């Protein structure tokens, strides 16, 4: 719609103004939702010509309106859209297309490794900003509860953040690890050194996995009757007591806590992959330098050989000339 100013007559004349008014309509919203659904199912190039479709075949996931974190496996804004991370924290909203069809195309791309490194490099700063946001909440909320903490300094208890399913998994893995070590000892006693070494290595791998699970679900020491702040997500809640243990443990399965735990895990994994890629790249550069040095050395050696051969040829020619002169004399 257009609304004319008080000047009347020509809306562009003196004393007049034209104001564009955007009117929201449920039908427009429904059409936009339908478009996003089609994009997620068929891709943004569904209306392209046959020639354009052939050119973009296999690379439709690279277009700007496709959510790259979703292709990687985790778009926090999409996955946690109905949590307090959106309403109370600065997570924001992702308005790009979250398409399983585009994700499948990305997964089957021959250049997946290249795109993954590129998208993770772009994704990491956003994840790090969310961690900084959580750490800021931790500092702020701890300052809020510090005033009352000293009153209950001697009333402490320990609470585990580990779900029962993970605890059962660790118990089963511990049994497997012990069986593997016992089997390794039996192999060693029977003279099977290689078999013993192999089973010890398997046992160590199980032990590392157990440690990872324990680190991911640490125990927390809290003071009774006071408020407690989670150092993963910065949420302040009532500290555990004999009456609220279940409610306190429920925090660790809430969307906010799990969301920040996943964000922190992704940051660790991406940084590790980047470090590993950097090590591989440096090794390749070192190997390339060595190859270059070998080639330079080989060329230098070949040059010396050629120069030596030329000197010998000159000496032979000189000897022939001297013999010729003697014959003439």
Protein backbone atom coordinates (compact mmCIF):
# COMPACT_ATOMS: atom_id res chain seq x y z
CA UNK A 1 0.00 0.00 0.00
CA UNK A 2 0.98 3.64 -0.48
CA UNK A 3 -0.03 6.41 1.88
CA UNK A 4 0.08 9.97 0.51
CA UNK A 5 1.22 12.92 2.56
CA UNK A 6 -0.83 15.96 3.44
CA UNK A 7 0.33 17.87 0.38
CA UNK A 8 -2.20 16.09 -1.86
CA UNK A 9 -2.02 16.09 -5.66
CA UNK A 10 1.21 14.68 -7.02
CA UNK A 11 2.56 12.31 -4.43
CA UNK A 12 6.10 13.30 -5.44
CA UNK A 13 5.39 17.04 -5.23
CA UNK A 14 6.32 19.46 -2.45
CA UNK A 15 4.83 18.77 0.92
CA UNK A 16 4.03 15.19 0.13
CA UNK A 17 5.49 11.85 1.11
CA UNK A 18 5.09 8.28 -0.02
CA UNK A 19 5.31 5.59 2.62
CA UNK A 20 5.58 1.93 1.71
CA UNK A 21 3.62 -0.23 4.11
CA UNK A 22 4.39 -3.94 4.23
CA UNK A 23 1.26 -5.85 5.18
CA UNK A 24 1.77 -9.31 6.66
CA UNK A 25 -0.65 -11.94 5.47
CA UNK A 26 -0.97 -15.54 6.62
CA UNK A 27 -1.04 -16.69 2.99
CA UNK A 28 2.35 -15.07 2.33
CA UNK A 29 3.83 -16.78 5.38
CA UNK A 30 2.41 -20.12 4.25
CA UNK A 31 3.88 -19.62 0.76
CA UNK A 32 7.29 -18.84 2.26
CA UNK A 33 7.12 -21.99 4.42
CA UNK A 34 6.17 -24.03 1.36
CA UNK A 35 9.10 -22.60 -0.59
CA UNK A 36 11.53 -23.49 2.20
CA UNK A 37 10.08 -27.01 2.35
CA UNK A 38 10.55 -27.47 -1.41
CA UNK A 39 14.09 -26.11 -1.15
CA UNK A 40 14.89 -28.60 1.62
CA UNK A 41 13.46 -31.52 -0.33
CA UNK A 42 14.49 -30.71 -3.91
CA UNK A 43 17.21 -28.08 -3.61
CA UNK A 44 17.25 -24.42 -4.51
CA UNK A 45 17.86 -25.18 -8.20
CA UNK A 46 14.57 -27.00 -8.76
CA UNK A 47 13.27 -24.24 -11.06
CA UNK A 48 16.51 -23.93 -13.06
CA UNK A 49 16.71 -24.74 -16.74
CA UNK A 50 18.02 -28.13 -17.87
CA UNK A 51 21.33 -26.56 -18.93
CA UNK A 52 21.76 -24.74 -15.60
CA UNK A 53 20.78 -27.88 -13.69
CA UNK A 54 23.44 -29.90 -15.53
CA UNK A 55 26.10 -27.30 -14.73
CA UNK A 56 25.21 -27.25 -11.01
CA UNK A 57 24.69 -31.01 -10.72
CA UNK A 58 26.52 -32.34 -7.70
CA UNK A 59 27.29 -28.85 -6.37
CA UNK A 60 23.89 -27.46 -5.49
CA UNK A 61 24.82 -27.71 -1.80
CA UNK A 62 27.43 -24.99 -2.35
CA UNK A 63 24.88 -22.21 -3.00
CA UNK A 64 24.63 -19.44 -0.40
CA UNK A 65 21.12 -20.21 0.85
CA UNK A 66 22.05 -23.75 1.97
CA UNK A 67 23.07 -24.05 5.65
CA UNK A 68 26.65 -25.30 5.69
CA UNK A 69 26.72 -26.28 9.42
CA UNK A 70 23.70 -28.49 8.73
CA UNK A 71 25.68 -30.21 5.98
CA UNK A 72 28.49 -30.79 8.50
CA UNK A 73 26.00 -32.38 10.88
CA UNK A 74 25.17 -29.69 13.43
CA UNK A 75 23.39 -26.37 13.01
CA UNK A 76 22.93 -25.16 16.61
CA UNK A 77 20.33 -22.56 15.64
CA UNK A 78 18.24 -25.20 13.85
CA UNK A 79 18.70 -28.05 16.32
CA UNK A 80 18.14 -25.89 19.43
CA UNK A 81 15.52 -23.56 17.97
CA UNK A 82 12.94 -24.29 20.69
CA UNK A 83 15.29 -23.98 23.66
CA UNK A 84 16.25 -21.14 26.01
CA UNK A 85 19.41 -20.72 23.94
CA UNK A 86 17.28 -18.76 21.49
CA UNK A 87 15.00 -16.91 23.91
CA UNK A 88 17.55 -15.98 26.60
CA UNK A 89 20.97 -16.41 24.98
CA UNK A 90 22.45 -14.91 21.79
CA UNK A 91 22.16 -18.01 19.62
CA UNK A 92 20.00 -16.34 17.00
CA UNK A 93 18.01 -17.93 14.20
CA UNK A 94 19.22 -19.66 11.04
CA UNK A 95 17.09 -18.69 8.04
CA UNK A 96 18.92 -20.84 5.51
CA UNK A 97 17.75 -24.10 3.97
CA UNK A 98 18.26 -27.29 6.00
CA UNK A 99 18.02 -29.89 3.29
CA UNK A 100 18.62 -33.62 3.67
CA UNK A 101 18.87 -33.81 -0.13
CA UNK A 102 21.69 -31.25 -0.11
CA UNK A 103 23.33 -33.04 2.81
CA UNK A 104 23.30 -36.31 0.83
CA UNK A 105 24.81 -34.50 -2.17
CA UNK A 106 27.53 -33.07 0.08
CA UNK A 107 28.25 -36.48 1.64
CA UNK A 108 28.73 -38.08 -1.78
CA UNK A 109 30.79 -35.26 -3.27
CA UNK A 110 34.29 -36.33 -4.39
CA UNK A 111 35.53 -33.02 -2.94
CA UNK A 112 33.87 -33.52 0.45
CA UNK A 113 37.15 -33.28 2.39
CA UNK A 114 37.95 -29.92 0.81
CA UNK A 115 34.47 -28.52 1.44
CA UNK A 116 34.45 -29.88 4.98
CA UNK A 117 37.70 -28.11 5.86
CA UNK A 118 36.37 -24.90 4.29
CA UNK A 119 32.99 -25.01 6.03
CA UNK A 120 34.48 -25.96 9.41
CA UNK A 121 36.89 -23.04 9.18
CA UNK A 122 33.89 -20.73 8.59
CA UNK A 123 31.82 -22.43 11.31
CA UNK A 124 34.42 -22.41 14.09
CA UNK A 125 34.31 -18.66 14.92
CA UNK A 126 30.54 -18.87 15.46
CA UNK A 127 30.90 -21.86 17.79
CA UNK A 128 33.71 -20.12 19.68
CA UNK A 129 31.51 -17.05 20.12
CA UNK A 130 28.84 -19.26 21.72
CA UNK A 131 31.41 -20.70 24.12
CA UNK A 132 32.51 -17.18 25.05
CA UNK A 133 28.85 -16.37 25.68
CA UNK A 134 28.50 -19.42 27.95
CA UNK A 135 31.74 -18.59 29.80
CA UNK A 136 30.45 -15.05 30.35
CA UNK A 137 27.27 -16.49 31.87
CA UNK A 138 29.38 -18.74 34.12
CA UNK A 139 31.42 -15.78 35.42
CA UNK A 140 28.36 -13.60 35.88
CA UNK A 141 26.27 -16.22 37.67
CA UNK A 142 29.15 -17.30 39.90
CA UNK A 143 29.56 -13.72 41.01
CA UNK A 144 25.85 -13.64 41.87
CA UNK A 145 26.02 -16.69 44.12
CA UNK A 146 29.42 -15.99 45.69
CA UNK A 147 27.90 -13.84 48.42
CA UNK A 148 26.10 -16.75 50.06
CA UNK A 149 28.65 -19.50 49.30
CA UNK A 150 30.79 -18.90 52.40
CA UNK A 151 27.82 -19.51 54.71
CA UNK A 152 27.65 -23.20 53.76
CA UNK A 153 31.34 -23.92 53.14
CA UNK A 154 31.37 -27.02 55.36
CA UNK A 155 28.20 -28.56 53.90
CA UNK A 156 29.41 -30.16 50.66
CA UNK A 157 28.38 -33.13 48.55
CA UNK A 158 29.37 -34.65 45.23
CA UNK A 159 26.96 -35.19 42.37
CA UNK A 160 27.58 -37.08 39.15
CA UNK A 161 26.48 -35.76 35.75
CA UNK A 162 26.80 -39.21 34.19
CA UNK A 163 23.53 -40.79 32.95
CA UNK A 164 22.80 -44.35 34.01
CA UNK A 165 23.14 -45.56 30.40
CA UNK A 166 26.70 -44.19 30.18
CA UNK A 167 27.56 -45.63 33.59
CA UNK A 168 26.37 -49.07 32.38
CA UNK A 169 28.40 -48.64 29.20
CA UNK A 170 31.56 -47.86 31.19
CA UNK A 171 30.96 -50.86 33.45
CA UNK A 172 30.64 -53.16 30.42
CA UNK A 173 33.73 -51.68 28.77
CA UNK A 174 35.72 -52.09 32.01
CA UNK A 175 34.83 -55.78 32.08
CA UNK A 176 35.93 -56.13 28.45
CA UNK A 177 39.19 -54.33 29.22
CA UNK A 178 39.95 -56.63 32.17
CA UNK A 179 39.17 -59.73 30.08
CA UNK A 180 41.45 -58.44 27.33
CA UNK A 181 44.33 -57.88 29.78
CA UNK A 182 43.85 -61.36 31.27
CA UNK A 183 43.90 -62.85 27.78
CA UNK A 184 47.06 -60.86 26.98
CA UNK A 185 48.76 -62.37 30.04
CA UNK A 186 47.74 -65.87 28.93
CA UNK A 187 49.19 -65.24 25.46
CA UNK A 188 52.44 -63.99 26.95
CA UNK A 189 52.76 -67.07 29.19
CA UNK A 190 52.19 -69.36 26.19
CA UNK A 191 54.86 -67.57 24.15
CA UNK A 192 52.50 -65.68 21.82
CA UNK A 193 54.20 -62.30 22.20
CA UNK A 194 52.55 -60.69 19.15
CA UNK A 195 49.10 -61.81 20.27
CA UNK A 196 49.76 -60.48 23.77
CA UNK A 197 50.94 -57.13 22.43
CA UNK A 198 47.88 -56.83 20.19
CA UNK A 199 45.47 -57.48 23.06
CA UNK A 200 47.28 -55.01 25.29
CA UNK A 201 46.83 -52.36 22.58
CA UNK A 202 43.10 -53.17 22.35
CA UNK A 203 42.86 -52.90 26.13
CA UNK A 204 44.54 -49.47 26.02
CA UNK A 205 42.07 -48.29 23.36
CA UNK A 206 39.15 -49.36 25.56
CA UNK A 207 40.75 -47.56 28.52
CA UNK A 208 41.12 -44.35 26.49
CA UNK A 209 37.45 -44.53 25.47
CA UNK A 210 36.43 -45.01 29.12
CA UNK A 211 38.48 -41.96 30.08
CA UNK A 212 36.80 -39.90 27.33
CA UNK A 213 33.35 -40.86 28.62
CA UNK A 214 34.32 -40.04 32.21
CA UNK A 215 35.75 -36.65 31.18
CA UNK A 216 32.55 -35.88 29.27
CA UNK A 217 30.44 -36.56 32.40
CA UNK A 218 32.43 -35.23 35.37
CA UNK A 219 31.47 -35.21 39.04
CA UNK A 220 30.64 -31.86 40.64
CA UNK A 221 31.28 -30.85 44.23
CA UNK A 222 28.65 -28.40 45.46
CA UNK A 223 27.63 -26.78 48.71
CA UNK A 224 24.28 -27.72 50.17
CA UNK A 225 21.53 -25.07 50.42
CA UNK A 226 23.23 -22.73 48.00
CA UNK A 227 22.83 -22.03 44.33
CA UNK A 228 25.13 -23.78 41.89
CA UNK A 229 26.46 -22.69 38.49
CA UNK A 230 27.16 -25.16 35.69
CA UNK A 231 30.59 -24.54 34.17
CA UNK A 232 29.44 -25.96 30.80
CA UNK A 233 26.40 -23.81 30.09
CA UNK A 234 26.43 -21.15 32.82
CA UNK A 235 22.97 -22.05 34.14
CA UNK A 236 22.34 -21.19 37.79
CA UNK A 237 20.18 -23.63 39.69
CA UNK A 238 19.45 -24.80 43.19
CA UNK A 239 22.33 -26.84 44.57
CA UNK A 240 21.69 -30.49 45.24
CA UNK A 241 20.10 -31.66 48.45
CA UNK A 242 18.67 -34.98 49.62
CA UNK A 243 15.27 -33.86 48.36
CA UNK A 244 16.14 -32.52 44.90
CA UNK A 245 18.79 -34.93 43.58
CA UNK A 246 16.65 -36.04 40.64
CA UNK A 247 15.77 -32.46 39.71
CA UNK A 248 19.42 -31.44 39.94
CA UNK A 249 20.55 -34.32 37.71
CA UNK A 250 17.82 -33.41 35.22
CA UNK A 251 19.81 -30.26 34.43
CA UNK A 252 22.43 -32.37 32.64
CA UNK A 253 19.84 -33.73 30.20
CA UNK A 254 18.26 -30.35 29.48
CA UNK A 255 18.48 -28.72 26.04
CA UNK A 256 20.60 -25.78 27.17
CA UNK A 257 23.23 -27.95 28.87
CA UNK A 258 23.31 -30.55 26.09
CA UNK A 259 23.44 -27.79 23.49
CA UNK A 260 26.49 -26.11 25.01
CA UNK A 261 28.12 -29.49 25.69
CA UNK A 262 27.72 -30.35 22.01
CA UNK A 263 29.04 -26.95 20.92
CA UNK A 264 32.13 -27.40 23.11
CA UNK A 265 32.62 -30.93 21.76
CA UNK A 266 32.41 -29.69 18.17
CA UNK A 267 34.97 -26.97 18.87
CA UNK A 268 37.37 -29.55 20.31
CA UNK A 269 36.86 -31.90 17.35
CA UNK A 270 37.24 -29.17 14.70
CA UNK A 271 40.39 -27.80 16.35
CA UNK A 272 41.85 -31.32 16.52
CA UNK A 273 41.12 -31.93 12.83
CA UNK A 274 42.68 -28.58 11.96
CA UNK A 275 45.80 -29.41 14.02
CA UNK A 276 46.04 -32.84 12.40
CA UNK A 277 45.63 -31.31 8.95
CA UNK A 278 48.32 -28.77 9.78
CA UNK A 279 50.71 -31.56 10.82
CA UNK A 280 50.00 -33.46 7.59
CA UNK A 281 50.49 -30.28 5.56
CA UNK A 282 53.82 -29.55 7.28
CA UNK A 283 54.99 -33.11 6.64
CA UNK A 284 54.08 -32.78 2.97
CA UNK A 285 55.94 -29.47 2.79
CA UNK A 286 58.98 -31.07 4.42
CA UNK A 287 58.85 -33.98 1.97
CA UNK A 288 58.50 -31.51 -0.89
CA UNK A 289 61.52 -29.57 0.36
CA UNK A 290 63.51 -32.79 0.56
CA UNK A 291 62.46 -33.73 -2.98
CA UNK A 292 63.44 -30.28 -4.21
CA UNK A 293 66.81 -30.59 -2.50
CA UNK A 294 67.36 -34.03 -4.03
CA UNK A 295 66.45 -32.70 -7.47
CA UNK A 296 68.76 -29.71 -7.04
CA UNK A 297 71.55 -32.01 -5.87
CA UNK A 298 70.92 -34.36 -8.78
CA UNK A 299 70.99 -31.48 -11.27
CA UNK A 300 74.21 -30.15 -9.69
CA UNK A 301 75.79 -33.61 -9.85
CA UNK A 302 74.70 -34.07 -13.47
CA UNK A 303 76.15 -30.67 -14.29
CA UNK A 304 79.50 -31.62 -12.74
CA UNK A 305 79.49 -34.89 -14.66
CA UNK A 306 78.83 -33.05 -17.92
CA UNK A 307 81.56 -30.53 -17.15
CA UNK A 308 84.01 -33.35 -16.35
CA UNK A 309 83.15 -35.11 -19.60
CA UNK A 310 83.67 -31.87 -21.55
CA UNK A 311 87.07 -31.38 -19.89
CA UNK A 312 88.06 -34.93 -20.83
CA UNK A 313 86.96 -34.35 -24.43
CA UNK A 314 89.01 -31.16 -24.55
CA UNK A 315 92.04 -33.01 -23.17
CA UNK A 316 91.61 -35.69 -25.83
CA UNK A 317 91.38 -33.07 -28.59
CA UNK A 318 94.46 -31.33 -27.22
CA UNK A 319 96.39 -34.63 -27.22
CA UNK A 320 95.30 -35.32 -30.81
CA UNK A 321 96.45 -31.84 -31.87
CA UNK A 322 99.86 -32.36 -30.23
CA UNK A 323 100.26 -35.77 -31.90
CA UNK A 324 99.34 -34.21 -35.26
CA UNK A 325 101.98 -31.51 -34.84
CA UNK A 326 104.64 -34.10 -33.95
CA UNK A 327 103.78 -36.14 -37.03
CA UNK A 328 104.11 -33.02 -39.23
CA UNK A 329 107.44 -32.13 -37.67
